[in-house]
Amino acid sequence: MKKTLSAYYFAAALILALLPSCRQESIVFPPEEEEVGPGDAPLTDIRGFYLLNEGNMGSNKSTLDRYDYATGVYTRNIYGNANPDVPKELGDVGNDLKIYGSRLYAVVNCSNKVEVMDAATTRRIGQIEIPNCRFITFHGPYAYVTSYAGPVEIRPDYSQKGYVAKVDTATLQVVDRCIVGFQPDELAIVDGKIYVANSGGYMVPNYENTLSVIDLETFVEEKRVEVALNLFRVRPDSKGRLWVSSRGDYFDNHSKLICFNPRTEQIEKVFDVPVSAMDIVGDSIYVVSTSWSYETMSNTITNAIIDTRLMEQVSANFITDGTEREIKIPYGVKVNPLTGEIFVTDAGNYVNPGWLICYSREGVRQWRVRTGDIPAHFAFFGE
């Protein structure tokens, strides 16, 4: 199919047109508890998890939920109750969530900050100011955070490259920056190198197609390796390979999952599987996706399992009881490595509260609970 610039500008215009519609008065909800059940095996080292709800852009509605295995209670919007003195609560668009040591880190994209909390109480410890921040990972005493650096603006000639911020986790200060490609998203550390997925997502139709390779010790970008258009996710497996997702161009370059060997800098295999979110547990990659196409003006809904040892897709649907038909927009996925439970989030219509669904390891639904707006990112605690 021949693509024209007018088609790309139409795509960009649609995205920009949606932004004002998301902007509304901030609505603050008190915490709410709901008993949903204790799960398959409540008495494990994993005592529960936090779920970060992104919230609509511009609405300051990112919220934090918590599930406790011992009680079987799911609690919505816990941050405000733990931090009544923090103005505007958690902030605008929660983009990533990780626990490192005794601290919980929430990357809040449009609030230009990483919120740092006590992992047990979610009481605020401090915040790290990083513009248009996206994803976080850790190594030793440092956190590494990707930043788009520039404003939220879709433009083919966007000139502001992104960077990775190096943060001292003791002082919560940015101690160094490494310039990478345009609009860097997820990042992973393997064998002394940081691999950064450059998307170029603001530069329709001039998307990036590279992984930046940063030497961890010198914190200098060594090279950029071409992989695929509009990269998004990057996760290491147990063999040290990287699994990288491409969002494509939303036309005839479709979303896909790529196995990249960082030692040889070669692509080992490409899977025709779109990826919105993925989780690697053992030798299995669990994938969910809502993949938009401007060719069909519709979404393709996907969930699948890739076996990293066999290098094959072994399931086209890990939900076995037919309830996947009730999920409107699969948006996040997380697997409990001890029980095998599969947690899937449903963003619904992206405006109203979403849903969290718990499945057994066999893919049978155990329970379903309402969340905040656009539920997305998980962090197990007690591991």
Protein backbone atom coordinates (compact mmCIF):
# COMPACT_ATOMS: atom_id res chain seq x y z
CA MET A 1 0.00 0.00 0.00
CA LYS A 2 1.35 3.45 -0.92
CA LYS A 3 1.26 5.81 2.02
CA THR A 4 0.85 9.55 1.55
CA LEU A 5 1.84 12.35 3.89
CA SER A 6 -1.80 13.41 4.01
CA ALA A 7 -2.68 10.03 5.48
CA TYR A 8 0.00 10.43 8.13
CA TYR A 9 -1.11 13.99 8.93
CA PHE A 10 -4.67 12.71 9.23
CA ALA A 11 -3.44 10.12 11.74
CA ALA A 12 -1.55 12.76 13.69
CA ALA A 13 -4.51 15.12 13.61
CA LEU A 14 -6.74 12.45 15.05
CA ILE A 15 -4.31 11.88 17.92
CA LEU A 16 -4.02 15.60 18.65
CA ALA A 17 -7.77 16.03 18.39
CA LEU A 18 -8.25 13.52 21.15
CA LEU A 19 -5.98 15.34 23.59
CA PRO A 20 -8.28 18.29 24.45
CA SER A 21 -11.22 15.91 24.93
CA CYS A 22 -9.25 14.20 27.70
CA ARG A 23 -8.71 17.43 29.61
CA GLN A 24 -11.21 17.90 32.39
CA GLU A 25 -11.38 18.87 36.02
CA SER A 26 -9.37 16.63 38.34
CA ILE A 27 -11.64 14.24 40.22
CA VAL A 28 -10.30 12.88 43.49
CA PHE A 29 -11.80 9.67 44.84
CA PRO A 30 -11.33 8.31 48.38
CA PRO A 31 -9.84 4.81 48.78
CA GLU A 32 -12.34 1.97 48.31
CA GLU A 33 -11.98 -1.64 49.44
CA GLU A 34 -13.51 -4.66 47.73
CA GLU A 35 -13.08 -8.30 48.72
CA VAL A 36 -12.35 -10.37 45.61
CA GLY A 37 -10.76 -13.54 47.00
CA PRO A 38 -7.34 -14.69 48.20
CA GLY A 39 -6.09 -16.14 44.91
CA ASP A 40 -4.67 -19.60 44.28
CA ALA A 41 -1.95 -19.59 46.94
CA PRO A 42 -2.04 -16.64 49.35
CA LEU A 43 0.77 -17.92 51.59
CA THR A 44 3.75 -17.37 49.29
CA ASP A 45 6.64 -14.92 49.32
CA ILE A 46 4.60 -12.65 47.06
CA ARG A 47 2.13 -10.96 49.38
CA GLY A 48 0.35 -8.84 46.81
CA PHE A 49 0.85 -6.20 44.16
CA TYR A 50 0.37 -2.55 43.30
CA LEU A 51 -1.41 -1.51 40.11
CA LEU A 52 -0.75 1.90 38.56
CA ASN A 53 -3.64 3.40 36.63
CA GLU A 54 -2.44 5.79 33.95
CA GLY A 55 -5.44 8.15 33.92
CA ASN A 56 -6.44 10.34 30.98
CA MET A 57 -3.85 12.78 29.70
CA GLY A 58 -4.35 16.24 31.19
CA SER A 59 -6.83 15.14 33.85
CA ASN A 60 -4.45 14.50 36.80
CA LYS A 61 -6.21 11.18 37.43
CA SER A 62 -3.36 8.69 37.76
CA THR A 63 -4.08 6.49 40.78
CA LEU A 64 -2.50 3.61 42.65
CA ASP A 65 -4.36 0.44 43.70
CA ARG A 66 -3.28 -2.47 45.91
CA TYR A 67 -4.19 -6.14 46.14
CA ASP A 68 -3.40 -8.16 49.29
CA TYR A 69 -3.24 -11.96 49.01
CA ALA A 70 -3.69 -12.60 52.74
CA THR A 71 -7.02 -10.79 52.97
CA GLY A 72 -8.18 -11.08 49.36
CA VAL A 73 -8.96 -7.36 49.47
CA TYR A 74 -8.44 -5.02 46.52
CA THR A 75 -8.13 -1.35 47.48
CA ARG A 76 -8.53 1.44 44.94
CA ASN A 77 -6.78 4.82 45.04
CA ILE A 78 -4.50 4.37 48.05
CA TYR A 79 -2.00 7.16 47.34
CA GLY A 80 -4.14 10.09 48.44
CA ASN A 81 -5.00 8.49 51.76
CA ALA A 82 -1.32 7.76 52.47
CA ASN A 83 -0.25 11.25 51.38
CA PRO A 84 -2.99 13.75 52.30
CA ASP A 85 -0.50 16.64 52.22
CA VAL A 86 0.58 16.12 48.58
CA PRO A 87 -1.13 18.58 46.18
CA LYS A 88 -2.74 17.03 43.07
CA GLU A 89 -2.09 13.56 44.49
CA LEU A 90 -0.16 11.16 42.20
CA GLY A 91 -0.32 13.26 39.02
CA ASP A 92 -0.90 13.10 35.27
CA VAL A 93 -0.38 9.82 33.33
CA GLY A 94 1.29 7.05 35.32
CA ASN A 95 3.63 5.36 32.84
CA ASP A 96 5.71 2.80 34.78
CA LEU A 97 5.92 1.20 38.21
CA LYS A 98 8.78 -0.67 39.88
CA ILE A 99 9.90 -1.75 43.36
CA TYR A 100 13.62 -1.55 44.07
CA GLY A 101 14.83 -2.32 47.56
CA SER A 102 12.31 -0.91 50.02
CA ARG A 103 11.03 1.77 47.67
CA LEU A 104 8.23 2.00 45.12
CA TYR A 105 8.91 4.15 42.05
CA ALA A 106 6.05 5.50 39.91
CA VAL A 107 7.00 7.24 36.65
CA VAL A 108 4.39 9.95 36.06
CA ASN A 109 4.85 11.04 32.48
CA CYS A 110 3.03 14.36 32.02
CA SER A 111 3.72 15.48 35.58
CA ASN A 112 7.42 15.27 34.66
CA LYS A 113 8.39 13.33 37.77
CA VAL A 114 9.20 9.98 39.30
CA GLU A 115 7.30 9.62 42.55
CA VAL A 116 9.30 7.70 45.17
CA MET A 117 7.38 5.99 47.97
CA ASP A 118 7.92 3.59 50.82
CA ALA A 119 7.03 0.20 49.30
CA ALA A 120 5.21 -0.94 52.44
CA THR A 121 3.12 2.16 53.16
CA THR A 122 3.18 4.14 49.84
CA ARG A 123 4.07 7.19 51.92
CA ARG A 124 6.00 9.66 49.78
CA ILE A 125 9.77 9.78 50.29
CA GLY A 126 10.49 12.29 47.53
CA GLN A 127 10.31 12.90 43.82
CA ILE A 128 12.74 13.04 40.91
CA GLU A 129 12.06 15.76 38.36
CA ILE A 130 12.53 14.49 34.79
CA PRO A 131 10.66 16.03 31.83
CA ASN A 132 8.31 13.79 29.84
CA CYS A 133 9.66 10.71 31.66
CA ARG A 134 8.67 7.26 30.42
CA PHE A 135 10.24 4.08 31.90
CA ILE A 136 12.61 3.12 34.70
CA THR A 137 15.09 0.35 35.49
CA PHE A 138 17.83 -0.14 38.10
CA HIS A 139 21.39 -1.34 38.55
CA GLY A 140 23.43 -1.03 41.73
CA PRO A 141 22.90 2.33 43.45
CA TYR A 142 21.35 3.95 40.37
CA ALA A 143 18.01 4.23 38.63
CA TYR A 144 17.90 4.83 34.88
CA VAL A 145 14.91 6.71 33.44
CA THR A 146 14.04 7.42 29.81
CA SER A 147 12.89 10.93 28.93
CA TYR A 148 11.36 12.31 25.74
CA ALA A 149 12.95 15.60 26.92
CA GLY A 150 10.72 17.79 24.72
CA PRO A 151 7.02 18.71 24.88
CA VAL A 152 4.07 16.54 23.87
CA GLU A 153 3.92 17.56 20.23
CA ILE A 154 3.41 15.47 17.09
CA ARG A 155 5.58 16.88 14.30
CA PRO A 156 7.61 15.22 11.48
CA ASP A 157 10.53 17.62 12.04
CA TYR A 158 10.67 17.20 15.83
CA SER A 159 14.26 18.12 16.72
CA GLN A 160 14.58 17.36 20.44
CA LYS A 161 16.29 14.02 21.03
CA GLY A 162 15.53 12.11 24.20
CA TYR A 163 17.89 10.94 26.91
CA VAL A 164 18.39 8.47 29.73
CA ALA A 165 18.73 10.04 33.16
CA LYS A 166 21.04 8.42 35.71
CA VAL A 167 19.64 8.90 39.22
CA ASP A 168 21.36 8.33 42.55
CA THR A 169 18.77 6.33 44.51
CA ALA A 170 20.19 7.55 47.84
CA THR A 171 19.84 11.27 47.10
CA LEU A 172 17.14 11.09 44.37
CA GLN A 173 19.26 13.45 42.28
CA VAL A 174 19.94 13.18 38.55
CA VAL A 175 23.72 12.79 38.34
CA ASP A 176 24.16 12.32 34.58
CA ARG A 177 22.32 12.22 31.25
CA CYS A 178 22.99 10.27 28.07
CA ILE A 179 21.46 11.50 24.81
CA VAL A 180 19.83 8.74 22.75
CA GLY A 181 17.33 8.70 19.87
CA PHE A 182 13.96 10.37 19.54
CA GLN A 183 11.24 9.55 22.08
CA PRO A 184 12.96 6.69 23.95
CA ASP A 185 10.63 4.26 25.69
CA GLU A 186 11.41 1.07 27.61
CA LEU A 187 14.99 0.13 28.52
CA ALA A 188 16.78 -3.01 29.75
CA ILE A 189 20.23 -3.84 31.12
CA VAL A 190 22.14 -6.89 29.85
CA ASP A 191 25.87 -7.70 30.25
CA GLY A 192 26.97 -4.21 31.24
CA LYS A 193 24.98 -2.41 28.55
CA ILE A 194 21.75 -0.42 28.63
CA TYR A 195 19.48 -1.04 25.63
CA VAL A 196 16.95 1.69 24.89
CA ALA A 197 13.98 1.39 22.53
CA ASN A 198 13.86 4.59 20.47
CA SER A 199 10.35 5.14 19.08
CA GLY A 200 10.28 8.49 17.30
CA GLY A 201 6.62 8.33 18.20
CA TYR A 202 6.04 12.08 17.92
CA MET A 203 7.62 12.24 14.45
CA VAL A 204 4.83 10.84 12.27
CA PRO A 205 5.68 9.55 9.66
CA ASN A 206 9.43 9.67 10.42
CA TYR A 207 9.57 7.03 13.14
CA GLU A 208 12.84 5.88 14.69
CA ASN A 209 13.95 2.26 14.16
CA THR A 210 16.90 1.83 16.53
CA LEU A 211 18.02 0.45 19.86
CA SER A 212 20.52 2.71 21.60
CA VAL A 213 23.39 0.84 23.26
CA ILE A 214 24.85 2.60 26.31
CA ASP A 215 27.93 1.39 28.18
CA LEU A 216 26.84 1.10 31.79
CA GLU A 217 30.23 2.01 33.30
CA THR A 218 31.02 5.09 31.20
CA PHE A 219 27.36 6.00 30.59
CA VAL A 220 28.13 6.86 26.97
CA GLU A 221 26.02 5.83 23.99
CA GLU A 222 28.21 3.50 21.91
CA LYS A 223 25.94 2.95 18.92
CA ARG A 224 22.42 2.61 17.63
CA VAL A 225 21.36 -0.66 16.06
CA GLU A 226 18.55 -0.77 13.49
CA VAL A 227 15.76 -3.14 14.53
CA ALA A 228 12.28 -2.03 13.41
CA LEU A 229 9.97 0.98 13.26
CA ASN A 230 8.59 2.70 16.33
CA LEU A 231 10.11 0.51 19.06
CA PHE A 232 8.33 0.36 22.41
CA ARG A 233 9.01 -2.55 24.79
CA VAL A 234 12.37 -4.22 25.48
CA ARG A 235 12.76 -7.10 27.95
CA PRO A 236 15.61 -9.59 28.59
CA ASP A 237 15.01 -13.34 28.80
CA SER A 238 16.94 -15.92 30.84
CA LYS A 239 19.40 -16.45 27.95
CA GLY A 240 20.37 -12.77 27.78
CA ARG A 241 18.45 -12.14 24.57
CA LEU A 242 16.24 -9.08 24.20
CA TRP A 243 12.59 -9.20 23.19
CA VAL A 244 11.71 -5.94 21.50
CA SER A 245 8.29 -4.79 20.34
CA SER A 246 7.65 -2.61 17.31
CA ARG A 247 4.42 -0.62 17.01
CA GLY A 248 4.99 -0.19 13.27
CA ASP A 249 3.47 2.77 11.44
CA TYR A 250 -0.21 1.85 11.91
CA PHE A 251 -0.52 1.25 8.18
CA ASP A 252 1.08 -1.69 6.34
CA ASN A 253 4.08 -1.93 8.71
CA HIS A 254 2.30 -3.83 11.43
CA SER A 255 3.17 -4.24 15.10
CA LYS A 256 5.47 -7.20 15.82
CA LEU A 257 7.71 -8.87 18.40
CA ILE A 258 11.41 -9.29 17.68
CA CYS A 259 14.03 -11.49 19.34
CA PHE A 260 17.34 -9.60 19.28
CA ASN A 261 20.67 -11.09 20.33
CA PRO A 262 22.76 -8.30 21.94
CA ARG A 263 25.95 -10.36 21.75
CA THR A 264 25.81 -10.72 17.96
CA GLU A 265 23.64 -7.62 17.42
CA GLN A 266 21.50 -9.74 15.11
CA ILE A 267 17.76 -10.31 14.93
CA GLU A 268 17.16 -14.01 15.61
CA LYS A 269 13.46 -14.16 14.84
CA VAL A 270 10.47 -11.94 14.12
CA PHE A 271 7.00 -12.89 15.35
CA ASP A 272 3.91 -11.47 13.67
CA VAL A 273 2.43 -10.76 17.10
CA PRO A 274 1.40 -7.22 18.09
CA VAL A 275 2.39 -6.12 21.59
CA SER A 276 0.89 -3.54 23.91
CA ALA A 277 2.25 -5.16 27.07
CA MET A 278 4.20 -8.30 27.87
CA ASP A 279 5.57 -10.22 30.82
CA ILE A 280 8.37 -12.80 30.73
CA VAL A 281 8.12 -15.61 33.30
CA GLY A 282 10.51 -18.53 32.96
CA ASP A 283 10.60 -19.49 29.29
CA SER A 284 7.22 -17.92 28.48
CA ILE A 285 6.31 -14.47 27.20
CA TYR A 286 2.71 -13.48 27.89
CA VAL A 287 1.49 -10.84 25.44
CA VAL A 288 -1.63 -8.69 25.24
CA SER A 289 -2.31 -6.14 22.55
CA THR A 290 -4.76 -3.65 21.18
CA SER A 291 -3.25 -2.82 17.79
CA TRP A 292 -4.75 0.11 15.86
CA SER A 293 -4.66 0.30 12.05
CA TYR A 294 -5.44 3.35 9.94
CA GLU A 295 -5.96 1.00 7.01
CA THR A 296 -8.99 -0.63 8.62
CA MET A 297 -9.74 2.14 11.17
CA SER A 298 -10.11 -0.57 13.80
CA ASN A 299 -8.27 -2.39 16.58
CA THR A 300 -6.97 -5.95 16.50
CA ILE A 301 -7.23 -7.59 19.93
CA THR A 302 -4.58 -10.19 20.79
CA ASN A 303 -3.30 -12.35 23.62
CA ALA A 304 -0.64 -14.99 23.13
CA ILE A 305 2.23 -16.98 24.65
CA ILE A 306 5.70 -17.21 23.08
CA ASP A 307 8.06 -19.98 24.23
CA THR A 308 11.56 -18.44 24.37
CA ARG A 309 13.25 -21.85 24.51
CA LEU A 310 11.44 -23.29 21.46
CA MET A 311 11.33 -19.86 19.78
CA GLU A 312 7.71 -20.53 18.84
CA GLN A 313 4.28 -19.10 19.53
CA VAL A 314 2.67 -21.87 21.58
CA SER A 315 -0.70 -20.24 22.25
CA ALA A 316 -2.87 -17.80 20.34
CA ASN A 317 -5.08 -17.31 23.39
CA PHE A 318 -4.02 -18.00 26.97
CA ILE A 319 -7.60 -17.35 28.16
CA THR A 320 -9.38 -20.70 27.84
CA ASP A 321 -12.88 -20.10 29.22
CA GLY A 322 -14.16 -17.72 26.55
CA THR A 323 -14.21 -14.66 28.82
CA GLU A 324 -11.69 -12.82 26.63
CA ARG A 325 -14.75 -11.68 24.64
CA GLU A 326 -15.71 -9.48 27.58
CA ILE A 327 -12.40 -7.56 27.49
CA LYS A 328 -12.73 -4.39 25.41
CA ILE A 329 -9.16 -3.06 25.45
CA PRO A 330 -6.51 -5.43 26.91
CA TYR A 331 -3.86 -3.04 28.17
CA GLY A 332 -1.58 -4.67 30.76
CA VAL A 333 -0.48 -8.18 31.76
CA LYS A 334 1.40 -9.64 34.71
CA VAL A 335 2.00 -13.26 35.77
CA ASN A 336 2.62 -14.37 39.34
CA PRO A 337 5.79 -16.49 38.98
CA LEU A 338 4.93 -18.54 42.07
CA THR A 339 1.26 -19.37 41.42
CA GLY A 340 1.04 -18.97 37.66
CA GLU A 341 -1.95 -16.64 37.98
CA ILE A 342 -2.35 -14.31 35.00
CA PHE A 343 -3.53 -10.75 35.60
CA VAL A 344 -4.93 -8.79 32.64
CA THR A 345 -6.14 -5.20 32.68
CA ASP A 346 -8.94 -3.82 30.52
CA ALA A 347 -8.84 -0.08 29.72
CA GLY A 348 -12.46 -0.15 28.52
CA ASN A 349 -13.22 3.12 26.74
CA TYR A 350 -10.09 4.86 28.13
CA VAL A 351 -12.28 7.41 29.97
CA ASN A 352 -14.19 5.53 32.66
CA PRO A 353 -12.70 3.19 35.28
CA GLY A 354 -11.22 0.00 33.86
CA TRP A 355 -11.05 -3.59 35.07
CA LEU A 356 -8.54 -6.07 36.43
CA ILE A 357 -9.16 -9.76 35.71
CA CYS A 358 -7.40 -12.62 37.49
CA TYR A 359 -7.03 -15.93 35.61
CA SER A 360 -5.70 -19.23 36.88
CA ARG A 361 -2.57 -20.67 35.25
CA GLU A 362 -5.00 -22.70 33.10
CA GLY A 363 -6.62 -19.50 31.80
CA VAL A 364 -9.89 -19.71 33.74
CA ARG A 365 -11.24 -16.49 35.22
CA GLN A 366 -11.10 -16.36 39.04
CA TRP A 367 -12.31 -12.85 39.71
CA ARG A 368 -12.77 -9.39 38.20
CA VAL A 369 -12.60 -6.02 39.92
CA ARG A 370 -13.01 -2.38 38.96
CA THR A 371 -9.85 -0.23 38.88
CA GLY A 372 -8.99 3.38 38.15
CA ASP A 373 -8.83 4.85 34.65
CA ILE A 374 -6.58 2.96 32.20
CA PRO A 375 -5.06 0.28 34.48
CA ALA A 376 -1.64 -0.66 33.19
CA HIS A 377 1.46 -1.28 35.33
CA PHE A 378 2.09 -3.86 38.08
CA ALA A 379 4.63 -4.28 40.85
CA PHE A 380 4.57 -7.37 43.11
CA PHE A 381 5.61 -6.78 46.72
CA GLY A 382 7.00 -9.23 49.25
CA GLU A 383 9.20 -11.10 46.71
